[in-house]
Protein backbone atom coordinates (compact mmCIF):
# COMPACT_ATOMS: atom_id res chain seq x y z
CA MET A 1 -133.87 -8.05 -16.12
CA LYS A 2 -130.15 -8.85 -16.02
CA ARG A 3 -127.78 -5.91 -15.89
CA TYR A 4 -124.29 -7.28 -16.39
CA VAL A 5 -121.02 -5.75 -15.24
CA ILE A 6 -117.32 -6.50 -15.61
CA ASP A 7 -114.88 -5.52 -12.88
CA SER A 8 -112.12 -3.98 -15.00
CA HIS A 9 -109.50 -3.82 -12.22
CA ILE A 10 -109.24 -5.95 -9.08
CA HIS A 11 -106.33 -7.32 -7.01
CA LEU A 12 -107.98 -10.68 -6.49
CA ASP A 13 -104.89 -12.37 -5.05
CA MET A 14 -104.72 -9.79 -2.23
CA TYR A 15 -107.96 -10.93 -0.62
CA GLU A 16 -107.94 -13.44 2.20
CA GLU A 17 -108.85 -16.87 0.90
CA LYS A 18 -112.27 -16.93 2.59
CA ASP A 19 -113.15 -13.53 1.14
CA ARG A 20 -111.99 -14.51 -2.34
CA VAL A 21 -114.09 -17.69 -2.19
CA LYS A 22 -117.08 -15.64 -1.05
CA ILE A 23 -116.67 -13.10 -3.87
CA LEU A 24 -116.34 -15.75 -6.56
CA SER A 25 -119.35 -17.67 -5.24
CA GLU A 26 -121.47 -14.50 -5.43
CA LEU A 27 -120.50 -13.26 -8.90
CA ASP A 28 -123.37 -14.93 -10.75
CA GLU A 29 -126.06 -13.69 -8.40
CA ASN A 30 -124.65 -10.17 -8.77
CA ASP A 31 -124.48 -10.37 -12.59
CA VAL A 32 -120.69 -9.94 -12.63
CA THR A 33 -119.45 -11.85 -15.65
CA ALA A 34 -115.68 -11.26 -15.45
CA LEU A 35 -112.89 -9.87 -13.28
CA VAL A 36 -109.71 -8.38 -14.75
CA ALA A 37 -107.21 -9.50 -12.10
CA VAL A 38 -104.10 -7.31 -12.11
CA SER A 39 -100.75 -8.23 -10.58
CA ASN A 40 -98.39 -6.49 -8.16
CA ASP A 41 -95.13 -8.42 -8.71
CA LEU A 42 -93.78 -11.76 -9.90
CA ALA A 43 -95.45 -13.88 -7.22
CA SER A 44 -98.72 -12.05 -7.78
CA SER A 45 -98.45 -12.62 -11.53
CA TYR A 46 -98.07 -16.36 -11.03
CA ARG A 47 -101.05 -16.35 -8.63
CA GLN A 48 -103.35 -14.50 -11.04
CA LEU A 49 -102.47 -16.96 -13.78
CA GLU A 50 -103.18 -19.83 -11.40
CA LEU A 51 -106.56 -18.36 -10.42
CA SER A 52 -107.51 -17.75 -14.06
CA GLY A 53 -106.78 -21.39 -14.79
CA ILE A 54 -109.21 -22.44 -12.06
CA ASP A 55 -112.03 -20.03 -12.92
CA SER A 56 -112.54 -18.77 -16.49
CA ARG A 57 -114.28 -15.62 -15.23
CA ILE A 58 -110.92 -14.45 -13.87
CA LYS A 59 -108.94 -12.67 -16.58
CA ALA A 60 -105.25 -12.48 -15.70
CA ALA A 61 -103.00 -9.47 -16.16
CA VAL A 62 -99.25 -9.66 -15.47
CA GLY A 63 -97.16 -6.70 -14.32
CA TYR A 64 -95.42 -4.88 -11.47
CA HIS A 65 -97.19 -2.23 -9.39
CA PRO A 66 -95.10 0.97 -9.38
CA GLU A 67 -95.92 2.16 -5.85
CA GLN A 68 -93.08 0.10 -4.36
CA ALA A 69 -89.32 -0.22 -4.75
CA VAL A 70 -88.23 -1.21 -8.23
CA PRO A 71 -87.66 -4.96 -8.49
CA ALA A 72 -84.25 -6.52 -8.82
CA ASP A 73 -83.36 -6.98 -12.48
CA GLU A 74 -83.80 -10.75 -12.07
CA GLU A 75 -87.42 -10.29 -10.99
CA LEU A 76 -88.21 -7.83 -13.76
CA GLN A 77 -86.72 -10.15 -16.37
CA ALA A 78 -88.70 -13.04 -14.88
CA ILE A 79 -91.97 -11.05 -15.19
CA LEU A 80 -91.17 -10.17 -18.80
CA HIS A 81 -90.41 -13.85 -19.44
CA VAL A 82 -93.81 -14.81 -17.94
CA ILE A 83 -95.45 -12.41 -20.41
CA ASP A 84 -93.52 -13.99 -23.28
CA GLN A 85 -94.50 -17.50 -22.21
CA THR A 86 -98.17 -16.84 -21.41
CA GLU A 87 -99.20 -13.99 -23.73
CA HIS A 88 -101.84 -16.24 -25.31
CA ARG A 89 -103.46 -16.64 -21.87
CA LEU A 90 -103.21 -13.00 -20.80
CA THR A 91 -106.04 -10.51 -20.93
CA ALA A 92 -103.67 -7.59 -20.27
CA ILE A 93 -100.36 -6.31 -18.98
CA GLY A 94 -100.76 -4.63 -15.63
CA GLU A 95 -100.80 -3.12 -13.19
CA VAL A 96 -97.91 -0.96 -14.35
CA GLY A 97 -97.14 2.74 -14.33
CA LEU A 98 -95.32 5.37 -12.29
CA PRO A 99 -94.94 5.86 -8.50
CA TYR A 100 -96.85 9.08 -7.84
CA TYR A 101 -97.73 8.47 -4.18
CA LEU A 102 -94.35 6.97 -3.34
CA ARG A 103 -92.75 10.09 -4.79
CA GLN A 104 -94.76 12.26 -2.40
CA GLN A 105 -93.22 10.33 0.49
CA GLN A 106 -89.74 10.22 -1.07
CA PRO A 107 -89.22 13.45 -3.10
CA GLU A 108 -85.68 12.40 -4.05
CA LEU A 109 -86.86 9.13 -5.59
CA ASP A 110 -84.96 8.33 -8.79
CA MET A 111 -87.56 8.03 -11.53
CA ALA A 112 -85.25 6.64 -14.20
CA PRO A 113 -85.58 2.96 -13.16
CA TYR A 114 -89.38 3.29 -13.03
CA LEU A 115 -89.49 4.86 -16.48
CA ASN A 116 -87.23 2.13 -17.86
CA MET A 117 -89.40 -0.58 -16.31
CA LEU A 118 -92.59 0.99 -17.67
CA GLU A 119 -91.05 1.19 -21.13
CA CYS A 120 -90.34 -2.57 -20.99
CA PHE A 121 -94.03 -3.23 -20.28
CA VAL A 122 -95.23 -0.81 -22.96
CA GLN A 123 -92.94 -2.59 -25.45
CA LYS A 124 -94.54 -5.92 -24.51
CA ALA A 125 -98.02 -4.46 -24.90
CA ALA A 126 -97.06 -3.28 -28.38
CA GLU A 127 -95.37 -6.57 -29.30
CA TYR A 128 -98.29 -8.78 -28.31
CA GLU A 129 -101.08 -6.27 -28.99
CA LEU A 130 -102.28 -6.61 -25.40
CA PRO A 131 -104.16 -3.97 -23.43
CA ILE A 132 -102.12 -2.26 -20.72
CA ALA A 133 -103.64 -1.43 -17.30
CA LEU A 134 -102.02 1.73 -15.99
CA HIS A 135 -101.41 3.36 -12.64
CA ALA A 136 -100.78 6.90 -13.91
CA VAL A 137 -102.39 9.73 -11.98
CA TYR A 138 -102.11 13.52 -12.09
CA GLU A 139 -99.09 14.72 -14.09
CA ASP A 140 -97.75 11.18 -14.49
CA ALA A 141 -100.49 10.48 -17.02
CA ASP A 142 -98.91 12.94 -19.46
CA ILE A 143 -95.56 11.14 -19.22
CA VAL A 144 -97.26 7.79 -19.81
CA CYS A 145 -99.16 9.17 -22.82
CA ASP A 146 -95.81 10.20 -24.34
CA LEU A 147 -94.54 6.63 -24.02
CA LEU A 148 -97.74 5.07 -25.36
CA GLU A 149 -97.56 7.34 -28.39
CA VAL A 150 -93.93 6.43 -29.10
CA TYR A 151 -94.85 2.73 -29.28
CA ASN A 152 -98.25 3.27 -30.93
CA VAL A 153 -100.09 1.52 -28.11
CA SER A 154 -103.77 2.31 -28.48
CA ARG A 155 -105.35 -0.11 -25.98
CA ALA A 156 -104.46 1.70 -22.76
CA HIS A 157 -106.56 1.68 -19.59
CA PHE A 158 -105.98 4.48 -17.07
CA HIS A 159 -107.43 2.95 -13.93
CA TRP A 160 -108.89 5.21 -11.19
CA PHE A 161 -107.68 8.27 -13.10
CA LYS A 162 -107.15 11.48 -11.19
CA GLY A 163 -105.76 14.49 -13.01
CA ASP A 164 -106.33 17.78 -14.75
CA ASP A 165 -108.91 18.22 -17.47
CA SER A 166 -106.17 18.88 -20.03
CA VAL A 167 -104.57 15.48 -19.38
CA LEU A 168 -107.97 13.81 -19.46
CA GLN A 169 -108.72 15.40 -22.83
CA ARG A 170 -105.46 13.99 -24.18
CA ILE A 171 -106.42 10.53 -22.92
CA ILE A 172 -109.84 10.83 -24.53
CA ALA A 173 -108.43 12.17 -27.82
CA ASN A 174 -106.06 9.19 -28.02
CA GLY A 175 -108.96 6.77 -27.60
CA TYR A 176 -107.71 5.35 -24.28
CA MET A 177 -110.03 3.98 -21.59
CA VAL A 178 -110.63 5.35 -18.09
CA SER A 179 -112.23 3.49 -15.20
CA VAL A 180 -113.80 4.74 -11.99
CA THR A 181 -114.19 3.06 -8.62
CA PRO A 182 -117.16 3.22 -6.22
CA GLU A 183 -115.78 6.66 -5.29
CA VAL A 184 -117.90 7.94 -8.16
CA THR A 185 -120.93 7.64 -5.88
CA TYR A 186 -119.63 10.28 -3.45
CA ARG A 187 -116.49 12.07 -4.73
CA PRO A 188 -117.21 15.28 -6.72
CA LYS A 189 -113.84 15.21 -8.50
CA ILE A 190 -114.50 11.73 -9.88
CA GLN A 191 -118.01 12.78 -10.87
CA HIS A 192 -116.51 15.75 -12.74
CA ILE A 193 -114.21 13.36 -14.63
CA VAL A 194 -117.15 11.11 -15.56
CA GLN A 195 -119.02 14.08 -17.02
CA GLN A 196 -116.26 14.48 -19.60
CA ILE A 197 -115.65 10.87 -20.62
CA PRO A 198 -117.64 9.36 -23.50
CA LEU A 199 -119.34 6.15 -22.38
CA LEU A 200 -117.44 4.27 -25.09
CA GLN A 201 -114.24 5.03 -23.14
CA LEU A 202 -115.55 4.46 -19.62
CA MET A 203 -115.29 1.34 -17.46
CA VAL A 204 -116.02 0.51 -13.82
CA GLU A 205 -113.73 -1.19 -11.32
CA SER A 206 -113.58 -2.14 -7.67
CA ASP A 207 -109.79 -1.95 -7.20
CA GLY A 208 -110.51 -4.41 -4.39
CA PRO A 209 -109.58 -5.06 -1.72
CA TRP A 210 -109.03 -1.27 -1.43
CA PRO A 211 -111.71 0.02 0.99
CA PHE A 212 -114.19 2.80 0.28
CA GLU A 213 -116.08 5.37 2.33
CA GLU A 214 -119.62 6.69 2.74
CA SER A 215 -122.17 3.90 2.15
CA PHE A 216 -119.33 1.39 1.62
CA ALA A 217 -117.50 2.18 4.87
CA GLY A 218 -116.52 -0.92 6.81
CA LYS A 219 -117.62 -3.28 4.03
CA LEU A 220 -115.56 -5.81 2.10
CA THR A 221 -114.88 -4.32 -1.32
CA HIS A 222 -116.95 -6.47 -3.66
CA PRO A 223 -117.52 -6.33 -7.44
CA SER A 224 -121.25 -6.01 -6.67
CA MET A 225 -120.50 -2.40 -5.68
CA LEU A 226 -120.14 -1.63 -9.40
CA HIS A 227 -123.92 -1.55 -9.70
CA GLU A 228 -123.99 1.51 -7.46
CA SER A 229 -121.21 3.04 -9.57
CA ILE A 230 -123.25 2.59 -12.76
CA LYS A 231 -126.37 4.07 -11.20
CA SER A 232 -124.32 7.12 -10.22
CA ILE A 233 -122.84 7.38 -13.72
CA ALA A 234 -126.34 7.27 -15.20
CA GLY A 235 -127.34 10.13 -12.94
CA ILE A 236 -124.26 12.17 -13.83
CA LYS A 237 -124.80 11.56 -17.55
CA ARG A 238 -128.58 12.04 -17.24
CA MET A 239 -129.10 8.80 -19.09
CA ASN A 240 -131.25 5.75 -18.72
CA ALA A 241 -129.45 3.30 -16.41
CA GLU A 242 -130.08 0.35 -18.73
CA ASP A 243 -128.35 2.16 -21.60
CA VAL A 244 -125.37 2.98 -19.37
CA TYR A 245 -125.12 -0.66 -18.26
CA ASN A 246 -125.15 -1.87 -21.86
CA GLU A 247 -122.66 0.65 -23.21
CA ILE A 248 -120.11 0.25 -20.40
CA TYR A 249 -120.41 -3.53 -20.49
CA GLU A 250 -119.92 -3.72 -24.25
CA ALA A 251 -117.07 -1.18 -24.20
CA THR A 252 -115.25 -3.20 -21.52
CA ARG A 253 -115.86 -6.48 -23.32
CA ARG A 254 -114.49 -5.08 -26.57
CA PHE A 255 -111.46 -3.44 -24.98
CA TYR A 256 -110.38 -6.54 -23.03
CA ARG A 257 -111.66 -8.99 -25.67
CA ILE A 258 -113.72 -10.85 -23.10
């Protein structure tokens, strides 16, 4: 029996060409029906759009990853222009958010430009009624929730969420989505998060090519790993695996309009 999955967050353009070709050639046999391909910057945004034009299973998202220096204004305006010009082709805006890990390395980092940039993307999500794929972990998630509420953005996806239960409850109460990576198979903190999230608000992702540990150590990060994630979720939820497959698949399909 087929058990379908959607990879809700992958950096497809960051794979080496041979690995990307391999992954795409193996999607059907692994029952992976779609990949939400998020962008890191302007060049990445163009590449995801190009890839989505070649293969309809690739669903492009345009954005600027926050864990790097803020772009020059010309690049930011160019990304916003790409959104304006291609919104009918986009599945989402992303990956966007706030630079939590960069801030740990640079405690004096000025957050104002990052907040301004994120607000631009949230405005676009509101304007075009597009989902927004967010990098917002720990206390940053609260700040992002404030901004989403100001612009009445309801279709928000907190990818690979890590944070306190109180923040998670706010995300759940607002009806936002959360996704987990293959870490759910071995990381107690992620398993604790899954216990609290209704299946209607839960998705799975690879975040490839980011590497994983334990049984995935040394392996190319592949959307097929999501099957192990779902089996773990079923165990955590004490549910029938087939029901978990169906509910997560349908929730992801509805959220991203796939």
